[in-house]
PDB file of N, CA and C in Angstrom:
ATOM      1  N   MET A   1     404.557 157.182 312.329  1.00  0.00           N
ATOM      2  CA  MET A   1     404.987 156.014 313.068  1.00  0.00           C
ATOM      3  C   MET A   1     404.285 154.781 312.512  1.00  0.00           C
ATOM      4  N   VAL A   2     405.055 153.708 312.315  1.00  0.00           N
ATOM      5  CA  VAL A   2     404.512 152.465 311.799  1.00  0.00           C
ATOM      6  C   VAL A   2     403.967 151.644 312.955  1.00  0.00           C
ATOM      7  N   GLU A   3     402.754 151.183 312.784  1.00  0.00           N
ATOM      8  CA  GLU A   3     402.132 150.327 313.787  1.00  0.00           C
ATOM      9  C   GLU A   3     402.736 148.926 313.707  1.00  0.00           C
ATOM     10  N   PRO A   4     402.906 148.268 314.837  1.00  0.00           N
ATOM     11  CA  PRO A   4     403.426 146.893 314.820  1.00  0.00           C
ATOM     12  C   PRO A   4     402.496 145.978 314.026  1.00  0.00           C
ATOM     13  N   LEU A   5     403.091 145.060 313.318  1.00  0.00           N
ATOM     14  CA  LEU A   5     402.341 144.097 312.517  1.00  0.00           C
ATOM     15  C   LEU A   5     403.059 142.755 312.570  1.00  0.00           C
ATOM     16  N   THR A   6     402.326 141.713 312.860  1.00  0.00           N
ATOM     17  CA  THR A   6     402.863 140.357 312.838  1.00  0.00           C
ATOM     18  C   THR A   6     402.004 139.537 311.895  1.00  0.00           C
ATOM     19  N   VAL A   7     402.658 138.837 310.964  1.00  0.00           N
ATOM     20  CA  VAL A   7     401.933 137.979 310.034  1.00  0.00           C
ATOM     21  C   VAL A   7     402.479 136.560 310.151  1.00  0.00           C
ATOM     22  N   PRO A   8     401.641 135.559 309.934  1.00  0.00           N
ATOM     23  CA  PRO A   8     402.120 134.181 310.020  1.00  0.00           C
ATOM     24  C   PRO A   8     403.120 133.889 308.903  1.00  0.00           C
ATOM     25  N   ALA A   9     404.077 133.042 309.201  1.00  0.00           N
ATOM     26  CA  ALA A   9     405.071 132.608 308.223  1.00  0.00           C
ATOM     27  C   ALA A   9     405.468 131.180 308.557  1.00  0.00           C
ATOM     28  N   ARG A  10     406.088 130.517 307.605  1.00  0.00           N
ATOM     29  CA  ARG A  10     406.553 129.152 307.832  1.00  0.00           C
ATOM     30  C   ARG A  10     407.863 128.955 307.078  1.00  0.00           C
ATOM     31  N   SER A  11     408.647 128.035 307.550  1.00  0.00           N
ATOM     32  CA  SER A  11     409.919 127.728 306.903  1.00  0.00           C
ATOM     33  C   SER A  11     409.677 126.925 305.631  1.00  0.00           C
ATOM     34  N   PRO A  12     410.436 127.206 304.589  1.00  0.00           N
ATOM     35  CA  PRO A  12     410.303 126.398 303.372  1.00  0.00           C
ATOM     36  C   PRO A  12     410.950 125.037 303.555  1.00  0.00           C
ATOM     37  N   LYS A  13     410.573 124.117 302.685  1.00  0.00           N
ATOM     38  CA  LYS A  13     411.220 122.810 302.659  1.00  0.00           C
ATOM     39  C   LYS A  13     412.633 122.988 302.093  1.00  0.00           C
ATOM     40  N   PRO A  14     413.523 122.047 302.353  1.00  0.00           N
ATOM     41  CA  PRO A  14     414.871 122.136 301.785  1.00  0.00           C
ATOM     42  C   PRO A  14     414.818 122.259 300.259  1.00  0.00           C
ATOM     43  N   TYR A  15     415.789 122.996 299.706  1.00  0.00           N
ATOM     44  CA  TYR A  15     415.817 123.193 298.254  1.00  0.00           C
ATOM     45  C   TYR A  15     417.219 123.563 297.788  1.00  0.00           C
ATOM     46  N   LEU A  16     417.422 123.407 296.480  1.00  0.00           N
ATOM     47  CA  LEU A  16     418.561 123.967 295.767  1.00  0.00           C
ATOM     48  C   LEU A  16     417.989 125.014 294.828  1.00  0.00           C
ATOM     49  N   HIS A  17     418.697 126.128 294.661  1.00  0.00           N
ATOM     50  CA  HIS A  17     418.266 127.163 293.726  1.00  0.00           C
ATOM     51  C   HIS A  17     419.489 127.666 292.973  1.00  0.00           C
ATOM     52  N   LEU A  18     419.330 127.850 291.678  1.00  0.00           N
ATOM     53  CA  LEU A  18     420.417 128.338 290.841  1.00  0.00           C
ATOM     54  C   LEU A  18     419.889 129.422 289.925  1.00  0.00           C
ATOM     55  N   ASP A  19     420.586 130.545 289.898  1.00  0.00           N
ATOM     56  CA  ASP A  19     420.361 131.565 288.883  1.00  0.00           C
ATOM     57  C   ASP A  19     421.674 132.296 288.660  1.00  0.00           C
ATOM     58  N   ASN A  20     421.657 133.352 287.883  1.00  0.00           N
ATOM     59  CA  ASN A  20     422.905 134.034 287.552  1.00  0.00           C
ATOM     60  C   ASN A  20     423.559 134.706 288.761  1.00  0.00           C
ATOM     61  N   ARG A  21     422.830 134.865 289.855  1.00  0.00           N
ATOM     62  CA  ARG A  21     423.385 135.501 291.051  1.00  0.00           C
ATOM     63  C   ARG A  21     424.089 134.531 291.971  1.00  0.00           C
ATOM     64  N   GLY A  22     423.802 133.232 291.812  1.00  0.00           N
ATOM     65  CA  GLY A  22     424.464 132.272 292.663  1.00  0.00           C
ATOM     66  C   GLY A  22     423.748 130.942 292.757  1.00  0.00           C
ATOM     67  N   PHE A  23     424.327 130.062 293.560  1.00  0.00           N
ATOM     68  CA  PHE A  23     423.803 128.728 293.830  1.00  0.00           C
ATOM     69  C   PHE A  23     423.511 128.643 295.321  1.00  0.00           C
ATOM     70  N   VAL A  24     422.283 128.285 295.653  1.00  0.00           N
ATOM     71  CA  VAL A  24     421.818 128.275 297.032  1.00  0.00           C
ATOM     72  C   VAL A  24     421.494 126.847 297.458  1.00  0.00           C
ATOM     73  N   ILE A  25     421.951 126.491 298.662  1.00  0.00           N
ATOM     74  CA  ILE A  25     421.580 125.228 299.295  1.00  0.00           C
ATOM     75  C   ILE A  25     420.885 125.582 300.607  1.00  0.00           C
ATOM     76  N   PHE A  26     419.625 125.139 300.745  1.00  0.00           N
ATOM     77  CA  PHE A  26     418.887 125.322 301.997  1.00  0.00           C
ATOM     78  C   PHE A  26     418.472 123.951 302.481  1.00  0.00           C
ATOM     79  N   ASP A  27     418.877 123.596 303.702  1.00  0.00           N
ATOM     80  CA  ASP A  27     418.592 122.256 304.223  1.00  0.00           C
ATOM     81  C   ASP A  27     417.456 122.219 305.243  1.00  0.00           C
ATOM     82  N   GLY A  28     416.730 123.291 305.330  1.00  0.00           N
ATOM     83  CA  GLY A  28     415.640 123.355 306.292  1.00  0.00           C
ATOM     84  C   GLY A  28     416.028 124.093 307.559  1.00  0.00           C
ATOM     85  N   GLY A  29     417.313 124.290 307.766  1.00  0.00           N
ATOM     86  CA  GLY A  29     417.801 125.007 308.941  1.00  0.00           C
ATOM     87  C   GLY A  29     418.862 126.034 308.596  1.00  0.00           C
ATOM     88  N   ARG A  30     419.721 125.669 307.654  1.00  0.00           N
ATOM     89  CA  ARG A  30     420.797 126.575 307.229  1.00  0.00           C
ATOM     90  C   ARG A  30     420.654 126.864 305.749  1.00  0.00           C
ATOM     91  N   CYS A  31     421.066 128.059 305.379  1.00  0.00           N
ATOM     92  CA  CYS A  31     421.033 128.459 303.978  1.00  0.00           C
ATOM     93  C   CYS A  31     422.388 129.051 303.622  1.00  0.00           C
ATOM     94  N   ILE A  32     422.999 128.533 302.582  1.00  0.00           N
ATOM     95  CA  ILE A  32     424.282 129.073 302.140  1.00  0.00           C
ATOM     96  C   ILE A  32     424.161 129.435 300.668  1.00  0.00           C
ATOM     97  N   ILE A  33     424.996 130.364 300.249  1.00  0.00           N
ATOM     98  CA  ILE A  33     425.007 130.766 298.849  1.00  0.00           C
ATOM     99  C   ILE A  33     426.443 130.810 298.344  1.00  0.00           C
ATOM    100  N   PHE A  34     426.614 130.311 297.139  1.00  0.00           N
ATOM    101  CA  PHE A  34     427.856 130.481 296.406  1.00  0.00           C
ATOM    102  C   PHE A  34     427.558 131.558 295.373  1.00  0.00           C
ATOM    103  N   ALA A  35     428.211 132.697 295.506  1.00  0.00           N
ATOM    104  CA  ALA A  35     427.924 133.867 294.676  1.00  0.00           C
ATOM    105  C   ALA A  35     428.187 133.583 293.194  1.00  0.00           C
ATOM    106  N   GLY A  36     427.587 134.390 292.360  1.00  0.00           N
ATOM    107  CA  GLY A  36     427.677 134.222 290.914  1.00  0.00           C
ATOM    108  C   GLY A  36     429.082 134.081 290.379  1.00  0.00           C
ATOM    109  N   ASN A  37     430.031 134.790 290.964  1.00  0.00           N
ATOM    110  CA  ASN A  37     431.404 134.708 290.468  1.00  0.00           C
ATOM    111  C   ASN A  37     432.079 133.382 290.795  1.00  0.00           C
ATOM    112  N   THR A  38     431.424 132.501 291.555  1.00  0.00           N
ATOM    113  CA  THR A  38     431.980 131.176 291.870  1.00  0.00           C
ATOM    114  C   THR A  38     431.279 130.055 291.107  1.00  0.00           C
ATOM    115  N   LEU A  39     430.349 130.392 290.216  1.00  0.00           N
ATOM    116  CA  LEU A  39     429.558 129.354 289.556  1.00  0.00           C
ATOM    117  C   LEU A  39     430.398 128.415 288.692  1.00  0.00           C
ATOM    118  N   GLY A  40     431.492 128.892 288.114  1.00  0.00           N
ATOM    119  CA  GLY A  40     432.378 127.997 287.369  1.00  0.00           C
ATOM    120  C   GLY A  40     432.977 126.937 288.281  1.00  0.00           C
ATOM    121  N   TRP A  41     433.383 127.360 289.467  1.00  0.00           N
ATOM    122  CA  TRP A  41     433.930 126.434 290.462  1.00  0.00           C
ATOM    123  C   TRP A  41     432.851 125.467 290.947  1.00  0.00           C
ATOM    124  N   VAL A  42     431.626 125.963 291.152  1.00  0.00           N
ATOM    125  CA  VAL A  42     430.503 125.099 291.551  1.00  0.00           C
ATOM    126  C   VAL A  42     430.258 124.050 290.465  1.00  0.00           C
ATOM    127  N   ARG A  43     430.232 124.481 289.185  1.00  0.00           N
ATOM    128  CA  ARG A  43     430.028 123.557 288.068  1.00  0.00           C
ATOM    129  C   ARG A  43     431.101 122.476 288.060  1.00  0.00           C
ATOM    130  N   GLU A  44     432.364 122.875 288.185  1.00  0.00           N
ATOM    131  CA  GLU A  44     433.463 121.901 288.196  1.00  0.00           C
ATOM    132  C   GLU A  44     433.324 120.915 289.351  1.00  0.00           C
ATOM    133  N   THR A  45     432.924 121.397 290.509  1.00  0.00           N
ATOM    134  CA  THR A  45     432.777 120.530 291.680  1.00  0.00           C
ATOM    135  C   THR A  45     431.653 119.531 291.477  1.00  0.00           C
ATOM    136  N   ILE A  46     430.529 119.984 290.955  1.00  0.00           N
ATOM    137  CA  ILE A  46     429.399 119.071 290.714  1.00  0.00           C
ATOM    138  C   ILE A  46     429.757 118.058 289.636  1.00  0.00           C
ATOM    139  N   GLU A  47     430.451 118.487 288.595  1.00  0.00           N
ATOM    140  CA  GLU A  47     430.880 117.545 287.559  1.00  0.00           C
ATOM    141  C   GLU A  47     431.797 116.472 288.144  1.00  0.00           C
ATOM    142  N   LEU A  48     432.738 116.881 288.975  1.00  0.00           N
ATOM    143  CA  LEU A  48     433.644 115.946 289.636  1.00  0.00           C
ATOM    144  C   LEU A  48     432.872 114.981 290.529  1.00  0.00           C
ATOM    145  N   LEU A  49     431.935 115.496 291.285  1.00  0.00           N
ATOM    146  CA  LEU A  49     431.109 114.678 292.165  1.00  0.00           C
ATOM    147  C   LEU A  49     430.335 113.625 291.372  1.00  0.00           C
ATOM    148  N   LEU A  50     429.717 114.029 290.278  1.00  0.00           N
ATOM    149  CA  LEU A  50     428.931 113.088 289.488  1.00  0.00           C
ATOM    150  C   LEU A  50     429.817 112.067 288.772  1.00  0.00           C
ATOM    151  N   GLU A  51     430.986 112.474 288.348  1.00  0.00           N
ATOM    152  CA  GLU A  51     431.893 111.577 287.642  1.00  0.00           C
ATOM    153  C   GLU A  51     432.555 110.575 288.580  1.00  0.00           C
ATOM    154  N   GLU A  52     433.076 111.067 289.697  1.00  0.00           N
ATOM    155  CA  GLU A  52     433.836 110.200 290.602  1.00  0.00           C
ATOM    156  C   GLU A  52     433.005 109.637 291.757  1.00  0.00           C
ATOM    157  N   LYS A  53     431.751 110.054 291.842  1.00  0.00           N
ATOM    158  CA  LYS A  53     430.803 109.589 292.872  1.00  0.00           C
ATOM    159  C   LYS A  53     431.090 110.162 294.255  1.00  0.00           C
ATOM    160  N   ARG A  54     432.070 111.059 294.357  1.00  0.00           N
ATOM    161  CA  ARG A  54     432.348 111.769 295.600  1.00  0.00           C
ATOM    162  C   ARG A  54     433.267 112.936 295.286  1.00  0.00           C
ATOM    163  N   ALA A  55     433.187 113.958 296.092  1.00  0.00           N
ATOM    164  CA  ALA A  55     434.065 115.123 295.923  1.00  0.00           C
ATOM    165  C   ALA A  55     433.958 115.998 297.159  1.00  0.00           C
ATOM    166  N   THR A  56     435.062 116.670 297.462  1.00  0.00           N
ATOM    167  CA  THR A  56     435.074 117.734 298.462  1.00  0.00           C
ATOM    168  C   THR A  56     436.102 118.751 297.990  1.00  0.00           C
ATOM    169  N   ARG A  57     435.641 119.985 297.802  1.00  0.00           N
ATOM    170  CA  ARG A  57     436.538 121.061 297.386  1.00  0.00           C
ATOM    171  C   ARG A  57     436.250 122.279 298.249  1.00  0.00           C
ATOM    172  N   HIS A  58     437.228 123.147 298.351  1.00  0.00           N
ATOM    173  CA  HIS A  58     436.990 124.375 299.090  1.00  0.00           C
ATOM    174  C   HIS A  58     437.544 125.557 298.326  1.00  0.00           C
ATOM    175  N   ARG A  59     436.925 126.674 298.564  1.00  0.00           N
ATOM    176  CA  ARG A  59     437.351 127.955 298.010  1.00  0.00           C
ATOM    177  C   ARG A  59     437.197 128.958 299.131  1.00  0.00           C
ATOM    178  N   GLY A  60     438.323 129.485 299.581  1.00  0.00           N
ATOM    179  CA  GLY A  60     438.276 130.352 300.754  1.00  0.00           C
ATOM    180  C   GLY A  60     437.815 129.533 301.940  1.00  0.00           C
ATOM    181  N   ASP A  61     436.830 130.031 302.658  1.00  0.00           N
ATOM    182  CA  ASP A  61     436.341 129.305 303.827  1.00  0.00           C
ATOM    183  C   ASP A  61     435.090 128.480 303.539  1.00  0.00           C
ATOM    184  N   HIS A  62     434.683 128.381 302.265  1.00  0.00           N
ATOM    185  CA  HIS A  62     433.504 127.605 301.908  1.00  0.00           C
ATOM    186  C   HIS A  62     433.896 126.290 301.236  1.00  0.00           C
ATOM    187  N   PHE A  63     433.198 125.234 301.630  1.00  0.00           N
ATOM    188  CA  PHE A  63     433.376 123.913 301.060  1.00  0.00           C
ATOM    189  C   PHE A  63     432.147 123.559 300.242  1.00  0.00           C
ATOM    190  N   LEU A  64     432.337 122.700 299.248  1.00  0.00           N
ATOM    191  CA  LEU A  64     431.241 122.136 298.479  1.00  0.00           C
ATOM    192  C   LEU A  64     431.632 120.716 298.138  1.00  0.00           C
ATOM    193  N   GLY A  65     430.718 119.798 298.309  1.00  0.00           N
ATOM    194  CA  GLY A  65     431.022 118.412 297.993  1.00  0.00           C
ATOM    195  C   GLY A  65     429.852 117.512 298.257  1.00  0.00           C
ATOM    196  N   GLY A  66     430.139 116.224 298.251  1.00  0.00           N
ATOM    197  CA  GLY A  66     429.093 115.259 298.518  1.00  0.00           C
ATOM    198  C   GLY A  66     429.486 113.874 298.070  1.00  0.00           C
ATOM    199  N   MET A  67     428.486 113.005 298.041  1.00  0.00           N
ATOM    200  CA  MET A  67     428.695 111.633 297.630  1.00  0.00           C
ATOM    201  C   MET A  67     427.418 111.086 297.008  1.00  0.00           C
ATOM    202  N   VAL A  68     427.596 110.194 296.034  1.00  0.00           N
ATOM    203  CA  VAL A  68     426.476 109.522 295.388  1.00  0.00           C
ATOM    204  C   VAL A  68     426.195 108.238 296.160  1.00  0.00           C
ATOM    205  N   SER A  69     424.923 107.952 296.397  1.00  0.00           N
ATOM    206  CA  SER A  69     424.547 106.741 297.130  1.00  0.00           C
ATOM    207  C   SER A  69     424.972 105.493 296.362  1.00  0.00           C
ATOM    208  N   GLU A  70     425.051 104.388 297.077  1.00  0.00           N
ATOM    209  CA  GLU A  70     425.466 103.131 296.459  1.00  0.00           C
ATOM    210  C   GLU A  70     424.545 102.706 295.329  1.00  0.00           C
ATOM    211  N   ASP A  71     423.244 102.998 295.444  1.00  0.00           N
ATOM    212  CA  ASP A  71     422.318 102.623 294.373  1.00  0.00           C
ATOM    213  C   ASP A  71     422.326 103.628 293.217  1.00  0.00           C
ATOM    214  N   GLY A  72     423.088 104.709 293.354  1.00  0.00           N
ATOM    215  CA  GLY A  72     423.226 105.688 292.290  1.00  0.00           C
ATOM    216  C   GLY A  72     422.020 106.572 292.058  1.00  0.00           C
ATOM    217  N   GLN A  73     421.072 106.581 292.971  1.00  0.00           N
ATOM    218  CA  GLN A  73     419.841 107.339 292.781  1.00  0.00           C
ATOM    219  C   GLN A  73     419.803 108.673 293.520  1.00  0.00           C
ATOM    220  N   THR A  74     420.603 108.784 294.592  1.00  0.00           N
ATOM    221  CA  THR A  74     420.553 109.950 295.466  1.00  0.00           C
ATOM    222  C   THR A  74     421.957 110.502 295.668  1.00  0.00           C
ATOM    223  N   VAL A  75     422.025 111.823 295.776  1.00  0.00           N
ATOM    224  CA  VAL A  75     423.291 112.479 296.069  1.00  0.00           C
ATOM    225  C   VAL A  75     423.141 113.249 297.371  1.00  0.00           C
ATOM    226  N   THR A  76     424.052 113.031 298.301  1.00  0.00           N
ATOM    227  CA  THR A  76     424.145 113.875 299.481  1.00  0.00           C
ATOM    228  C   THR A  76     425.068 115.021 299.107  1.00  0.00           C
ATOM    229  N   LEU A  77     424.560 116.241 299.185  1.00  0.00           N
ATOM    230  CA  LEU A  77     425.308 117.432 298.792  1.00  0.00           C
ATOM    231  C   LEU A  77     425.468 118.320 300.014  1.00  0.00           C
ATOM    232  N   TYR A  78     426.675 118.805 300.247  1.00  0.00           N
ATOM    233  CA  TYR A  78     426.910 119.708 301.371  1.00  0.00           C
ATOM    234  C   TYR A  78     427.704 120.909 300.902  1.00  0.00           C
ATOM    235  N   GLY A  79     427.499 122.017 301.597  1.00  0.00           N
ATOM    236  CA  GLY A  79     428.233 123.223 301.253  1.00  0.00           C
ATOM    237  C   GLY A  79     428.167 124.237 302.369  1.00  0.00           C
ATOM    238  N   GLY A  80     429.160 125.125 302.385  1.00  0.00           N
ATOM    239  CA  GLY A  80     429.205 126.197 303.360  1.00  0.00           C
ATOM    240  C   GLY A  80     430.498 126.197 304.131  1.00  0.00           C
ATOM    241  N   PRO A  81     430.558 126.984 305.188  1.00  0.00           N
ATOM    242  CA  PRO A  81     431.759 126.993 306.025  1.00  0.00           C
ATOM    243  C   PRO A  81     431.896 125.652 306.756  1.00  0.00           C
ATOM    244  N   ALA A  82     433.124 125.253 307.011  1.00  0.00           N
ATOM    245  CA  ALA A  82     433.395 123.927 307.578  1.00  0.00           C
ATOM    246  C   ALA A  82     432.647 123.656 308.874  1.00  0.00           C
ATOM    247  N   ASP A  83     432.421 124.676 309.668  1.00  0.00           N
ATOM    248  CA  ASP A  83     431.774 124.468 310.958  1.00  0.00           C
ATOM    249  C   ASP A  83     430.258 124.641 310.923  1.00  0.00           C
ATOM    250  N   ASP A  84     429.678 124.831 309.727  1.00  0.00           N
ATOM    251  CA  ASP A  84     428.230 125.035 309.642  1.00  0.00           C
ATOM    252  C   ASP A  84     427.715 124.673 308.251  1.00  0.00           C
ATOM    253  N   LEU A  85     427.996 123.448 307.803  1.00  0.00           N
ATOM    254  CA  LEU A  85     427.595 123.013 306.470  1.00  0.00           C
ATOM    255  C   LEU A  85     426.092 122.802 306.374  1.00  0.00           C
ATOM    256  N   ALA A  86     425.519 123.226 305.266  1.00  0.00           N
ATOM    257  CA  ALA A  86     424.152 122.852 304.906  1.00  0.00           C
ATOM    258  C   ALA A  86     424.254 121.540 304.143  1.00  0.00           C
ATOM    259  N   THR A  87     423.393 120.576 304.450  1.00  0.00           N
ATOM    260  CA  THR A  87     423.449 119.254 303.830  1.00  0.00           C
ATOM    261  C   THR A  87     422.056 118.832 303.398  1.00  0.00           C
ATOM    262  N   VAL A  88     421.956 118.378 302.134  1.00  0.00           N
ATOM    263  CA  VAL A  88     420.684 117.902 301.597  1.00  0.00           C
ATOM    264  C   VAL A  88     420.913 116.613 300.819  1.00  0.00           C
ATOM    265  N   ASP A  89     419.877 115.809 300.731  1.00  0.00           N
ATOM    266  CA  ASP A  89     419.848 114.673 299.818  1.00  0.00           C
ATOM    267  C   ASP A  89     418.971 115.076 298.639  1.00  0.00           C
ATOM    268  N   VAL A  90     419.487 114.896 297.427  1.00  0.00           N
ATOM    269  CA  VAL A  90     418.729 115.225 296.216  1.00  0.00           C
ATOM    270  C   VAL A  90     418.789 114.045 295.261  1.00  0.00           C
ATOM    271  N   ASP A  91     417.758 113.920 294.431  1.00  0.00           N
ATOM    272  CA  ASP A  91     417.773 112.892 293.403  1.00  0.00           C
ATOM    273  C   ASP A  91     418.918 113.172 292.438  1.00  0.00           C
ATOM    274  N   LEU A  92     419.565 112.127 291.981  1.00  0.00           N
ATOM    275  CA  LEU A  92     420.658 112.260 291.029  1.00  0.00           C
ATOM    276  C   LEU A  92     420.213 113.060 289.812  1.00  0.00           C
ATOM    277  N   ASN A  93     419.011 112.785 289.309  1.00  0.00           N
ATOM    278  CA  ASN A  93     418.506 113.504 288.134  1.00  0.00           C
ATOM    279  C   ASN A  93     418.383 114.998 288.393  1.00  0.00           C
ATOM    280  N   ALA A  94     418.014 115.371 289.603  1.00  0.00           N
ATOM    281  CA  ALA A  94     417.892 116.792 289.941  1.00  0.00           C
ATOM    282  C   ALA A  94     419.251 117.476 289.914  1.00  0.00           C
ATOM    283  N   LEU A  95     420.282 116.809 290.451  1.00  0.00           N
ATOM    284  CA  LEU A  95     421.609 117.402 290.430  1.00  0.00           C
ATOM    285  C   LEU A  95     422.168 117.446 289.012  1.00  0.00           C
ATOM    286  N   GLU A  96     421.831 116.464 288.197  1.00  0.00           N
ATOM    287  CA  GLU A  96     422.235 116.506 286.791  1.00  0.00           C
ATOM    288  C   GLU A  96     421.576 117.675 286.068  1.00  0.00           C
ATOM    289  N   ALA A  97     420.345 118.014 286.450  1.00  0.00           N
ATOM    290  CA  ALA A  97     419.677 119.190 285.863  1.00  0.00           C
ATOM    291  C   ALA A  97     420.384 120.470 286.272  1.00  0.00           C
ATOM    292  N   VAL A  98     420.834 120.546 287.525  1.00  0.00           N
ATOM    293  CA  VAL A  98     421.617 121.706 287.985  1.00  0.00           C
ATOM    294  C   VAL A  98     422.904 121.786 287.175  1.00  0.00           C
ATOM    295  N   GLN A  99     423.571 120.650 287.000  1.00  0.00           N
ATOM    296  CA  GLN A  99     424.813 120.610 286.226  1.00  0.00           C
ATOM    297  C   GLN A  99     424.581 121.113 284.806  1.00  0.00           C
ATOM    298  N   ALA A 100     423.522 120.659 284.166  1.00  0.00           N
ATOM    299  CA  ALA A 100     423.222 121.077 282.796  1.00  0.00           C
ATOM    300  C   ALA A 100     422.972 122.582 282.724  1.00  0.00           C
ATOM    301  N   GLN A 101     422.266 123.113 283.696  1.00  0.00           N
ATOM    302  CA  GLN A 101     421.990 124.546 283.736  1.00  0.00           C
ATOM    303  C   GLN A 101     423.282 125.337 283.929  1.00  0.00           C
ATOM    304  N   LEU A 102     424.182 124.820 284.750  1.00  0.00           N
ATOM    305  CA  LEU A 102     425.466 125.501 284.971  1.00  0.00           C
ATOM    306  C   LEU A 102     426.322 125.512 283.706  1.00  0.00           C
ATOM    307  N   ARG A 103     426.176 124.496 282.892  1.00  0.00           N
ATOM    308  CA  ARG A 103     426.923 124.445 281.616  1.00  0.00           C
ATOM    309  C   ARG A 103     426.402 125.459 280.624  1.00  0.00           C
ATOM    310  N   GLY A 104     425.144 125.856 280.791  1.00  0.00           N
ATOM    311  CA  GLY A 104     424.554 126.848 279.891  1.00  0.00           C
ATOM    312  C   GLY A 104     424.016 126.227 278.696  1.00  0.00           C
TER     313      GLY A 104
END
């Protein structure tokens, strides 16, 4: 029999994570993942967002999109099911790094 054990833990700060398994958006409360087989669609959506300064696309029941701030320095990025989107603000340079990584 395993004895009960409780250890302290804390929530991470909001982040974006990308690897071959998928693209993750965590906003401090919600965490969504776009699986590896959707990374081409994620890349296209981010490219569209950066080029046109706004985008909203959906695949199945998941949406991905956002908008570039007026000063061009920050991107509001959202993703997930329509009724429970994770939303983060990221530096434009950080999202461009994600885009470059998605291009390979």
